[in-house]
């Protein structure tokens, strides 16, 4: 399991292609390739599995870091939108308190 703040190593598409070519040409097993290129065995095993299922391992399929806009990129419209959302939420909470 990944630790908080852990950095993951990324590999170039050419490097992945070279390792996969050696595997499919019968030059090495995932274990020997792992030792030879200092890449975790499970990483190579995942590349092989994805290749067998016609998933392109040369492209990173992980979702990007989406979500909240960084503070330095906020525009006046963003602040106005946030303000309106907070006003509505505050009114909602006030109505809930009065209901009780």
N, C-alpha and C. Protein backbone atom coordinates (compact mmCIF):
# COMPACT_ATOMS: atom_id res chain seq x y z
N UNK A 1 0.84 -1.17 0.00
CA UNK A 1 0.00 0.00 0.00
C UNK A 1 0.89 1.24 0.00
N UNK A 2 0.46 2.24 -0.69
CA UNK A 2 1.24 3.48 -0.80
C UNK A 2 1.18 4.27 0.49
N UNK A 3 2.31 4.86 0.82
CA UNK A 3 2.39 5.72 2.00
C UNK A 3 2.03 7.14 1.61
N UNK A 4 1.61 7.92 2.58
CA UNK A 4 1.28 9.31 2.32
C UNK A 4 2.53 10.04 1.85
N UNK A 5 2.41 10.75 0.74
CA UNK A 5 3.53 11.51 0.20
C UNK A 5 4.51 10.68 -0.60
N UNK A 6 4.21 9.41 -0.81
CA UNK A 6 5.12 8.54 -1.55
C UNK A 6 5.18 8.97 -3.01
N UNK A 7 6.38 8.99 -3.56
CA UNK A 7 6.57 9.34 -4.96
C UNK A 7 6.71 8.05 -5.76
N UNK A 8 6.05 7.98 -6.90
CA UNK A 8 6.14 6.82 -7.75
C UNK A 8 7.04 7.13 -8.94
N UNK A 9 7.83 6.15 -9.30
CA UNK A 9 8.74 6.31 -10.42
C UNK A 9 7.96 6.13 -11.71
N UNK A 10 8.26 6.96 -12.71
CA UNK A 10 7.59 6.80 -14.00
C UNK A 10 8.64 6.38 -15.02
N UNK A 11 8.20 5.65 -16.01
CA UNK A 11 9.09 5.11 -17.01
C UNK A 11 8.66 5.61 -18.38
N UNK A 12 9.63 5.85 -19.24
CA UNK A 12 9.33 6.34 -20.58
C UNK A 12 8.67 5.23 -21.40
N UNK A 13 7.94 5.64 -22.42
CA UNK A 13 7.27 4.65 -23.26
C UNK A 13 8.29 3.80 -24.01
N UNK A 14 9.45 4.38 -24.36
CA UNK A 14 10.48 3.61 -25.06
C UNK A 14 11.05 2.53 -24.14
N UNK A 15 11.23 2.86 -22.86
CA UNK A 15 11.75 1.91 -21.90
C UNK A 15 10.76 0.75 -21.71
N UNK A 16 9.48 1.09 -21.56
CA UNK A 16 8.45 0.05 -21.41
C UNK A 16 8.42 -0.85 -22.64
N UNK A 17 8.49 -0.23 -23.80
CA UNK A 17 8.45 -0.98 -25.06
C UNK A 17 9.64 -1.94 -25.16
N UNK A 18 10.82 -1.49 -24.73
CA UNK A 18 12.02 -2.32 -24.78
C UNK A 18 11.87 -3.54 -23.88
N UNK A 19 11.37 -3.32 -22.67
CA UNK A 19 11.19 -4.44 -21.74
C UNK A 19 10.14 -5.42 -22.26
N UNK A 20 9.02 -4.89 -22.76
CA UNK A 20 7.97 -5.76 -23.28
C UNK A 20 8.46 -6.55 -24.49
N UNK A 21 9.26 -5.92 -25.34
CA UNK A 21 9.80 -6.61 -26.52
C UNK A 21 10.68 -7.78 -26.08
N UNK A 22 11.54 -7.53 -25.08
CA UNK A 22 12.40 -8.62 -24.58
C UNK A 22 11.55 -9.76 -24.02
N UNK A 23 10.48 -9.41 -23.30
CA UNK A 23 9.62 -10.46 -22.73
C UNK A 23 8.94 -11.26 -23.82
N UNK A 24 8.31 -10.59 -24.79
CA UNK A 24 7.57 -11.30 -25.82
C UNK A 24 8.47 -11.99 -26.83
N UNK A 25 9.74 -11.56 -26.92
CA UNK A 25 10.70 -12.27 -27.77
C UNK A 25 11.30 -13.46 -27.06
N UNK A 26 10.97 -13.66 -25.81
CA UNK A 26 11.45 -14.81 -25.05
C UNK A 26 12.84 -14.62 -24.47
N UNK A 27 13.32 -13.39 -24.43
CA UNK A 27 14.67 -13.13 -23.91
C UNK A 27 14.70 -13.21 -22.39
N UNK A 28 13.62 -12.83 -21.74
CA UNK A 28 13.62 -12.87 -20.28
C UNK A 28 12.23 -13.04 -19.71
N UNK A 29 12.22 -13.43 -18.45
CA UNK A 29 10.97 -13.54 -17.71
C UNK A 29 10.76 -12.22 -16.96
N UNK A 30 9.57 -12.00 -16.44
CA UNK A 30 9.37 -10.77 -15.66
C UNK A 30 10.36 -10.64 -14.50
N UNK A 31 10.71 -11.75 -13.87
CA UNK A 31 11.66 -11.72 -12.75
C UNK A 31 13.05 -11.30 -13.21
N UNK A 32 13.54 -11.93 -14.30
CA UNK A 32 14.89 -11.60 -14.77
C UNK A 32 14.95 -10.17 -15.30
N UNK A 33 13.89 -9.73 -15.98
CA UNK A 33 13.86 -8.36 -16.48
C UNK A 33 13.80 -7.37 -15.33
N UNK A 34 13.10 -7.76 -14.26
CA UNK A 34 13.01 -6.91 -13.08
C UNK A 34 14.39 -6.69 -12.47
N UNK A 35 15.15 -7.75 -12.36
CA UNK A 35 16.50 -7.65 -11.80
C UNK A 35 17.44 -6.91 -12.75
N UNK A 36 17.29 -7.18 -14.03
CA UNK A 36 18.18 -6.59 -15.03
C UNK A 36 18.02 -5.07 -15.12
N UNK A 37 16.77 -4.59 -15.09
CA UNK A 37 16.49 -3.16 -15.29
C UNK A 37 16.11 -2.41 -14.01
N UNK A 38 16.15 -3.11 -12.87
CA UNK A 38 15.82 -2.50 -11.59
C UNK A 38 14.43 -1.85 -11.60
N UNK A 39 13.47 -2.64 -12.09
CA UNK A 39 12.06 -2.24 -12.10
C UNK A 39 11.32 -3.27 -11.27
N UNK A 40 10.39 -2.86 -10.41
CA UNK A 40 9.67 -3.84 -9.60
C UNK A 40 9.00 -4.91 -10.48
N UNK A 41 9.07 -6.15 -10.00
CA UNK A 41 8.50 -7.28 -10.73
C UNK A 41 7.03 -7.04 -11.04
N UNK A 42 6.28 -6.56 -10.06
CA UNK A 42 4.83 -6.38 -10.24
C UNK A 42 4.54 -5.33 -11.31
N UNK A 43 5.40 -4.34 -11.44
CA UNK A 43 5.22 -3.32 -12.47
C UNK A 43 5.31 -3.94 -13.85
N UNK A 44 6.35 -4.74 -14.06
CA UNK A 44 6.52 -5.41 -15.35
C UNK A 44 5.37 -6.38 -15.59
N UNK A 45 4.96 -7.09 -14.56
CA UNK A 45 3.84 -8.03 -14.68
C UNK A 45 2.56 -7.28 -15.08
N UNK A 46 2.34 -6.09 -14.51
CA UNK A 46 1.16 -5.30 -14.88
C UNK A 46 1.24 -4.85 -16.34
N UNK A 47 2.42 -4.44 -16.80
CA UNK A 47 2.59 -4.03 -18.21
C UNK A 47 2.25 -5.19 -19.14
N UNK A 48 2.71 -6.38 -18.78
CA UNK A 48 2.46 -7.56 -19.62
C UNK A 48 0.97 -7.87 -19.66
N UNK A 49 0.32 -7.84 -18.50
CA UNK A 49 -1.12 -8.12 -18.43
C UNK A 49 -1.90 -7.11 -19.26
N UNK A 50 -1.56 -5.83 -19.14
CA UNK A 50 -2.25 -4.80 -19.91
C UNK A 50 -2.04 -4.99 -21.40
N UNK A 51 -0.82 -5.34 -21.79
CA UNK A 51 -0.53 -5.56 -23.21
C UNK A 51 -1.35 -6.73 -23.74
N UNK A 52 -1.47 -7.79 -22.96
CA UNK A 52 -2.26 -8.96 -23.39
C UNK A 52 -3.74 -8.61 -23.53
N UNK A 53 -4.21 -7.60 -22.78
CA UNK A 53 -5.61 -7.17 -22.85
C UNK A 53 -5.79 -5.97 -23.79
N UNK A 54 -4.79 -5.72 -24.63
CA UNK A 54 -4.82 -4.64 -25.62
C UNK A 54 -5.00 -3.25 -24.99
N UNK A 55 -4.37 -3.05 -23.85
CA UNK A 55 -4.36 -1.72 -23.21
C UNK A 55 -2.98 -1.14 -23.44
N UNK A 56 -2.93 0.07 -23.95
CA UNK A 56 -1.66 0.71 -24.27
C UNK A 56 -0.95 1.12 -22.98
N UNK A 57 0.18 0.48 -22.68
CA UNK A 57 0.92 0.79 -21.46
C UNK A 57 1.81 2.01 -21.63
N UNK A 58 1.97 2.47 -22.86
CA UNK A 58 2.82 3.64 -23.11
C UNK A 58 2.13 4.94 -22.71
N UNK A 59 0.81 4.86 -22.50
CA UNK A 59 0.03 6.03 -22.13
C UNK A 59 -0.40 5.87 -20.68
N UNK A 60 -0.30 6.94 -19.92
CA UNK A 60 -0.73 6.92 -18.53
C UNK A 60 -2.25 7.10 -18.49
N UNK A 61 -2.97 6.05 -18.04
CA UNK A 61 -4.44 6.07 -18.04
C UNK A 61 -5.02 6.57 -16.73
N UNK A 62 -4.16 6.96 -15.80
CA UNK A 62 -4.69 7.42 -14.52
C UNK A 62 -5.38 8.76 -14.71
N UNK A 63 -6.45 8.97 -13.95
CA UNK A 63 -7.12 10.26 -14.07
C UNK A 63 -6.22 11.38 -13.57
N UNK A 64 -6.38 12.53 -14.17
CA UNK A 64 -5.58 13.67 -13.77
C UNK A 64 -5.99 14.21 -12.43
N UNK A 65 -5.23 15.11 -11.95
CA UNK A 65 -5.56 15.73 -10.67
C UNK A 65 -6.63 16.77 -10.92
N UNK A 66 -7.85 16.35 -10.77
CA UNK A 66 -8.94 17.28 -10.98
C UNK A 66 -9.47 17.72 -9.63
N UNK A 67 -10.50 18.46 -9.65
CA UNK A 67 -11.08 18.89 -8.40
C UNK A 67 -11.04 20.39 -8.28
N UNK A 68 -10.80 20.83 -7.08
CA UNK A 68 -10.82 22.25 -6.78
C UNK A 68 -9.72 22.99 -7.54
N UNK A 69 -10.05 24.18 -7.99
CA UNK A 69 -9.10 25.02 -8.70
C UNK A 69 -8.07 25.53 -7.72
N UNK A 70 -6.82 25.60 -8.13
CA UNK A 70 -5.77 26.13 -7.27
C UNK A 70 -6.07 27.59 -6.94
N UNK A 71 -5.74 27.99 -5.74
CA UNK A 71 -6.05 29.34 -5.27
C UNK A 71 -5.47 30.42 -6.17
N UNK A 72 -4.28 30.21 -6.70
CA UNK A 72 -3.65 31.25 -7.51
C UNK A 72 -4.32 31.43 -8.87
N UNK A 73 -5.14 30.46 -9.28
CA UNK A 73 -5.79 30.52 -10.58
C UNK A 73 -7.24 31.03 -10.50
N UNK A 74 -7.68 31.42 -9.33
CA UNK A 74 -9.07 31.84 -9.18
C UNK A 74 -9.30 33.23 -9.77
N UNK A 75 -10.45 33.36 -10.41
CA UNK A 75 -10.83 34.65 -10.97
C UNK A 75 -11.91 35.26 -10.09
N UNK A 76 -12.28 36.47 -10.41
CA UNK A 76 -13.33 37.14 -9.65
C UNK A 76 -14.64 36.36 -9.74
N UNK A 77 -14.92 35.79 -10.90
CA UNK A 77 -16.15 35.00 -11.07
C UNK A 77 -16.12 33.77 -10.16
N UNK A 78 -14.94 33.16 -10.01
CA UNK A 78 -14.82 32.00 -9.13
C UNK A 78 -15.14 32.38 -7.69
N UNK A 79 -14.63 33.51 -7.24
CA UNK A 79 -14.91 33.97 -5.88
C UNK A 79 -16.39 34.28 -5.70
N UNK A 80 -17.00 34.91 -6.71
CA UNK A 80 -18.43 35.22 -6.63
C UNK A 80 -19.26 33.94 -6.55
N UNK A 81 -18.88 32.94 -7.35
CA UNK A 81 -19.60 31.66 -7.34
C UNK A 81 -19.47 31.00 -5.98
N UNK A 82 -18.28 30.99 -5.41
CA UNK A 82 -18.08 30.41 -4.08
C UNK A 82 -18.91 31.15 -3.02
N UNK A 83 -18.95 32.46 -3.13
CA UNK A 83 -19.71 33.27 -2.19
C UNK A 83 -21.20 32.92 -2.25
N UNK A 84 -21.73 32.78 -3.47
CA UNK A 84 -23.15 32.43 -3.63
C UNK A 84 -23.44 31.05 -3.06
N UNK A 85 -22.54 30.10 -3.29
CA UNK A 85 -22.72 28.75 -2.75
C UNK A 85 -22.74 28.79 -1.23
N UNK A 86 -21.82 29.55 -0.65
CA UNK A 86 -21.78 29.65 0.82
C UNK A 86 -23.03 30.32 1.38
N UNK A 87 -23.55 31.34 0.69
CA UNK A 87 -24.78 32.00 1.14
C UNK A 87 -25.94 31.02 1.13
N UNK A 88 -26.06 30.24 0.06
CA UNK A 88 -27.15 29.26 -0.04
C UNK A 88 -27.02 28.20 1.06
N UNK A 89 -25.81 27.75 1.30
CA UNK A 89 -25.60 26.73 2.32
C UNK A 89 -25.91 27.28 3.70
N UNK A 90 -25.52 28.52 3.93
CA UNK A 90 -25.79 29.15 5.22
C UNK A 90 -27.30 29.29 5.43
N UNK A 91 -28.03 29.67 4.38
CA UNK A 91 -29.49 29.77 4.47
C UNK A 91 -30.11 28.40 4.73
N UNK A 92 -29.58 27.37 4.10
CA UNK A 92 -30.06 26.00 4.29
C UNK A 92 -29.88 25.58 5.75
N UNK A 93 -28.70 25.84 6.30
CA UNK A 93 -28.44 25.47 7.69
C UNK A 93 -29.33 26.25 8.65
N UNK A 94 -29.54 27.52 8.36
CA UNK A 94 -30.41 28.34 9.20
C UNK A 94 -31.84 27.79 9.19
N UNK A 95 -32.32 27.39 8.01
CA UNK A 95 -33.67 26.83 7.91
C UNK A 95 -33.78 25.52 8.68
N UNK A 96 -32.74 24.71 8.66
CA UNK A 96 -32.75 23.44 9.40
C UNK A 96 -32.81 23.70 10.91
N UNK A 97 -32.05 24.71 11.35
CA UNK A 97 -32.06 25.03 12.79
C UNK A 97 -33.43 25.51 13.24
N UNK A 98 -34.08 26.31 12.40
CA UNK A 98 -35.40 26.85 12.76
C UNK A 98 -36.47 25.75 12.75
N UNK A 99 -36.27 24.71 11.94
CA UNK A 99 -37.24 23.62 11.86
C UNK A 99 -37.29 22.83 13.16
N UNK A 100 -36.16 22.70 13.83
CA UNK A 100 -36.07 21.86 15.02
C UNK A 100 -36.78 22.43 16.18
